[in-house]
Every structure is written in C-alpha cells, then in structure tokens.
Amino acid sequence: MTITQQVPTTGFLSLRQILGDRKTGTPSIIPVGPTTWWNGIKSGRYPQGIKISARRTAWRCEDIQALINSISQATPTSWSCAGGVDND
C-alpha cells in the first residue's frame, strides 16, 4: 500500500494517523516525530491543524495529501536530513 492509498480523499486525520503509532502498529504517513511535527507547523513547513475539541487537533486529508505531493516534488537538498547521512 502506498502513502497516497493510506490518506482518504476527504475527512480528517489525527496526529497518530499522520505520525504513526507503534503501540497499535499504525504506520506513519509523514515519518517525523511529534516535536518535529509541531515545530514544522510553527515554521510553516507543515499544515495547521483544526481544533475539533479542547484537547484534540485534526488535519484535513486534503492538506496532508498536498504536503505529500510537495515533499515528493521537492529537490533532495531541500528535505535533507540534519547532519547528513553517508550511504557508502
């Protein structure tokens, strides 16, 4: 199953659905940790969520799909890992 098949076309996704959950075996759609995710929202790299209750935030499926598309079209240097990885 590809990432785009994991994302519904409409609706909302929880943080656990986006980042994955090891306890339940939910695979990640965007493979970053929670701190990176929230910092990315602050910096504008990741989409803003929508507060659906006092303690719950969700993200529109369309916004997550657009993020996946922008990441897949980005140049490798614009999404490089910090510290660099030597694959030799």
Protein backbone atom coordinates (compact mmCIF):
# COMPACT_ATOMS: atom_id res chain seq x y z
CA MET A 1 0.00 0.00 0.00
CA THR A 2 1.41 3.39 -0.98
CA ILE A 3 1.23 6.51 1.17
CA THR A 4 -1.40 8.08 -1.06
CA GLN A 5 -3.59 5.00 -0.60
CA GLN A 6 -3.39 5.49 3.19
CA VAL A 7 -4.78 9.04 3.00
CA PRO A 8 -8.54 9.31 2.43
CA THR A 9 -9.59 11.89 -0.16
CA THR A 10 -11.75 13.84 2.31
CA GLY A 11 -12.17 14.00 6.05
CA PHE A 12 -9.74 14.46 8.91
CA LEU A 13 -6.66 12.68 10.24
CA SER A 14 -5.43 12.57 13.83
CA LEU A 15 -1.81 13.10 14.79
CA ARG A 16 -1.44 9.35 15.41
CA GLN A 17 -2.68 8.61 11.91
CA ILE A 18 -0.19 11.07 10.41
CA LEU A 19 2.88 10.25 12.51
CA GLY A 20 2.04 6.61 13.19
CA ASP A 21 1.61 4.77 16.46
CA ARG A 22 3.96 1.97 17.48
CA LYS A 23 1.58 0.72 20.18
CA THR A 24 -1.21 -0.01 17.71
CA GLY A 25 1.04 -0.72 14.72
CA THR A 26 -0.30 2.25 12.73
CA PRO A 27 2.27 3.12 10.03
CA SER A 28 3.33 6.73 9.62
CA ILE A 29 2.28 8.82 6.65
CA ILE A 30 4.85 11.52 7.44
CA PRO A 31 7.85 9.89 9.17
CA VAL A 32 8.80 12.56 11.70
CA GLY A 33 8.47 12.76 15.47
CA PRO A 34 5.90 14.83 17.34
CA THR A 35 8.34 17.60 18.27
CA THR A 36 9.49 17.94 14.65
CA TRP A 37 5.84 17.98 13.53
CA TRP A 38 4.80 20.76 15.93
CA ASN A 39 7.93 22.80 15.18
CA GLY A 40 7.20 22.37 11.46
CA ILE A 41 3.72 23.74 11.99
CA LYS A 42 5.14 26.77 13.80
CA SER A 43 7.62 27.39 10.98
CA GLY A 44 5.01 26.89 8.23
CA ARG A 45 6.59 23.71 6.84
CA TYR A 46 3.59 21.54 7.82
CA PRO A 47 -0.11 22.46 7.63
CA GLN A 48 -2.03 23.95 10.54
CA GLY A 49 -4.48 21.62 12.20
CA ILE A 50 -8.07 22.32 13.11
CA LYS A 51 -9.13 22.22 16.75
CA ILE A 52 -12.09 19.83 16.89
CA SER A 53 -12.31 19.94 20.69
CA ALA A 54 -10.45 21.50 23.61
CA ARG A 55 -7.75 18.80 23.57
CA ARG A 56 -7.95 17.40 20.05
CA THR A 57 -6.47 18.68 16.79
CA ALA A 58 -7.08 17.09 13.40
CA TRP A 59 -5.76 17.79 9.91
CA ARG A 60 -7.74 17.88 6.67
CA CYS A 61 -6.88 14.93 4.44
CA GLU A 62 -6.52 17.35 1.53
CA ASP A 63 -3.82 19.31 3.41
CA ILE A 64 -1.85 16.13 4.20
CA GLN A 65 -2.13 14.96 0.60
CA ALA A 66 -0.86 18.36 -0.59
CA LEU A 67 2.06 18.05 1.85
CA ILE A 68 2.92 14.59 0.49
CA ASN A 69 2.80 15.95 -3.06
CA SER A 70 5.04 18.91 -2.19
CA ILE A 71 7.57 16.66 -0.46
CA SER A 72 7.66 14.25 -3.39
CA GLN A 73 8.24 17.13 -5.83
CA ALA A 74 10.86 18.88 -3.68
CA THR A 75 14.53 18.70 -4.53
CA PRO A 76 16.51 16.27 -2.36
CA THR A 77 18.57 19.08 -0.80
CA SER A 78 15.51 20.98 0.39
CA TRP A 79 14.40 17.99 2.53
CA SER A 80 17.81 16.64 3.58
CA CYS A 81 18.49 15.07 6.95
CA ALA A 82 20.27 17.15 9.56
CA GLY A 83 23.86 16.08 9.98
CA GLY A 84 23.93 14.24 6.68
CA VAL A 85 23.99 10.52 6.11
CA ASP A 86 26.80 8.72 4.38
CA ASN A 87 25.42 5.80 2.40
CA ASP A 88 28.78 4.48 1.23
